[in-house]
Protein backbone atom coordinates (compact mmCIF):
# COMPACT_ATOMS: atom_id res chain seq x y z
CA MET A 1 -207.36 7.28 -146.27
CA LYS A 2 -205.79 5.12 -148.93
CA ALA A 3 -203.67 2.14 -148.05
CA LYS A 4 -200.51 3.77 -149.42
CA GLU A 5 -201.06 6.81 -147.20
CA PHE A 6 -201.68 4.60 -144.21
CA ASP A 7 -198.57 2.53 -144.90
CA LYS A 8 -196.44 5.69 -145.28
CA LYS A 9 -197.78 7.14 -141.98
CA PHE A 10 -197.05 3.81 -140.26
CA ASP A 11 -193.63 3.36 -141.79
CA GLU A 12 -192.51 6.97 -140.95
CA ASN A 13 -193.74 6.52 -137.36
CA LYS A 14 -194.41 10.28 -137.19
CA SER A 15 -197.81 10.04 -135.66
CA ASP A 16 -200.24 7.57 -134.00
CA ILE A 17 -202.18 5.51 -136.49
CA ILE A 18 -204.76 4.29 -133.96
CA ASP A 19 -207.17 7.08 -134.82
CA ASP A 20 -207.16 5.86 -138.41
CA LEU A 21 -208.29 2.37 -137.52
CA ASP A 22 -211.92 1.16 -137.16
CA LEU A 23 -211.67 -0.72 -133.87
CA SER A 24 -215.42 -1.52 -133.71
CA SER A 25 -214.88 -4.76 -135.68
CA ILE A 26 -211.60 -5.84 -134.18
CA LYS A 27 -211.31 -9.53 -133.19
CA ARG A 28 -208.61 -11.23 -131.10
CA LEU A 29 -207.53 -14.45 -132.69
CA ASN A 30 -206.81 -17.68 -130.74
CA GLN A 31 -208.73 -16.54 -127.73
CA VAL A 32 -210.81 -19.67 -127.18
CA GLN A 33 -210.64 -20.70 -123.56
CA LYS A 34 -209.83 -24.29 -122.62
CA ARG A 35 -209.91 -25.75 -119.13
CA VAL A 36 -206.74 -27.51 -117.96
CA ASN A 37 -206.11 -29.40 -114.70
CA VAL A 38 -202.59 -29.30 -113.34
CA ASP A 39 -201.30 -30.97 -110.24
CA PHE A 40 -198.68 -29.10 -108.19
CA PRO A 41 -196.83 -30.07 -105.03
CA ALA A 42 -198.22 -28.42 -101.89
CA TRP A 43 -195.13 -26.19 -101.53
CA VAL A 44 -195.81 -24.74 -105.05
CA ILE A 45 -199.46 -24.00 -104.17
CA ASP A 46 -198.33 -22.31 -100.91
CA ALA A 47 -195.76 -20.23 -102.80
CA LEU A 48 -198.30 -19.25 -105.43
CA ASP A 49 -200.87 -18.28 -102.85
CA LYS A 50 -198.35 -16.21 -100.93
CA GLU A 51 -197.30 -14.27 -104.04
CA ALA A 52 -200.88 -13.89 -105.26
CA ASN A 53 -201.87 -12.46 -101.88
CA ARG A 54 -198.89 -10.12 -101.91
CA ILE A 55 -199.85 -8.54 -105.21
CA GLY A 56 -203.61 -8.79 -104.66
CA VAL A 57 -204.68 -11.26 -107.33
CA THR A 58 -205.99 -14.80 -107.42
CA ARG A 59 -203.85 -17.92 -107.68
CA GLN A 60 -205.30 -18.59 -111.19
CA SER A 61 -204.44 -15.02 -112.29
CA ILE A 62 -200.84 -15.30 -111.21
CA ILE A 63 -200.39 -18.64 -112.89
CA LYS A 64 -201.87 -17.23 -116.17
CA LEU A 65 -199.69 -14.13 -115.90
CA TRP A 66 -196.43 -16.01 -115.28
CA LEU A 67 -197.10 -18.56 -118.01
CA VAL A 68 -197.89 -15.86 -120.57
CA GLU A 69 -194.79 -13.92 -119.54
CA ARG A 70 -192.61 -17.04 -119.92
CA LEU A 71 -194.17 -17.92 -123.31
CA GLU A 72 -193.58 -14.39 -124.57
CA GLU A 73 -189.99 -14.44 -123.42
CA HIS A 74 -189.48 -17.83 -125.11
CA SER A 75 -191.04 -16.67 -128.40
CA VAL A 76 -188.68 -13.69 -128.54
CA ARG A 77 -185.69 -15.99 -128.25
CA ILE A 78 -186.87 -18.31 -131.05
């Protein structure tokens, strides 16, 4: 498929373009992991653990999830 055909298909939004992409070489940018230590008051840890247990994830997972959600909300507003 030529680029113009692909662009037209994308712009018209008439069908899914995912089948036209080669996903075998896809790379996610800015995915380098860095370790960060953060100190929280005990009540925050307790609240995080309670919510994490409620939804069945780890404390680390809920912190990551909430931070990413907040950053995405913030980036939409900017």
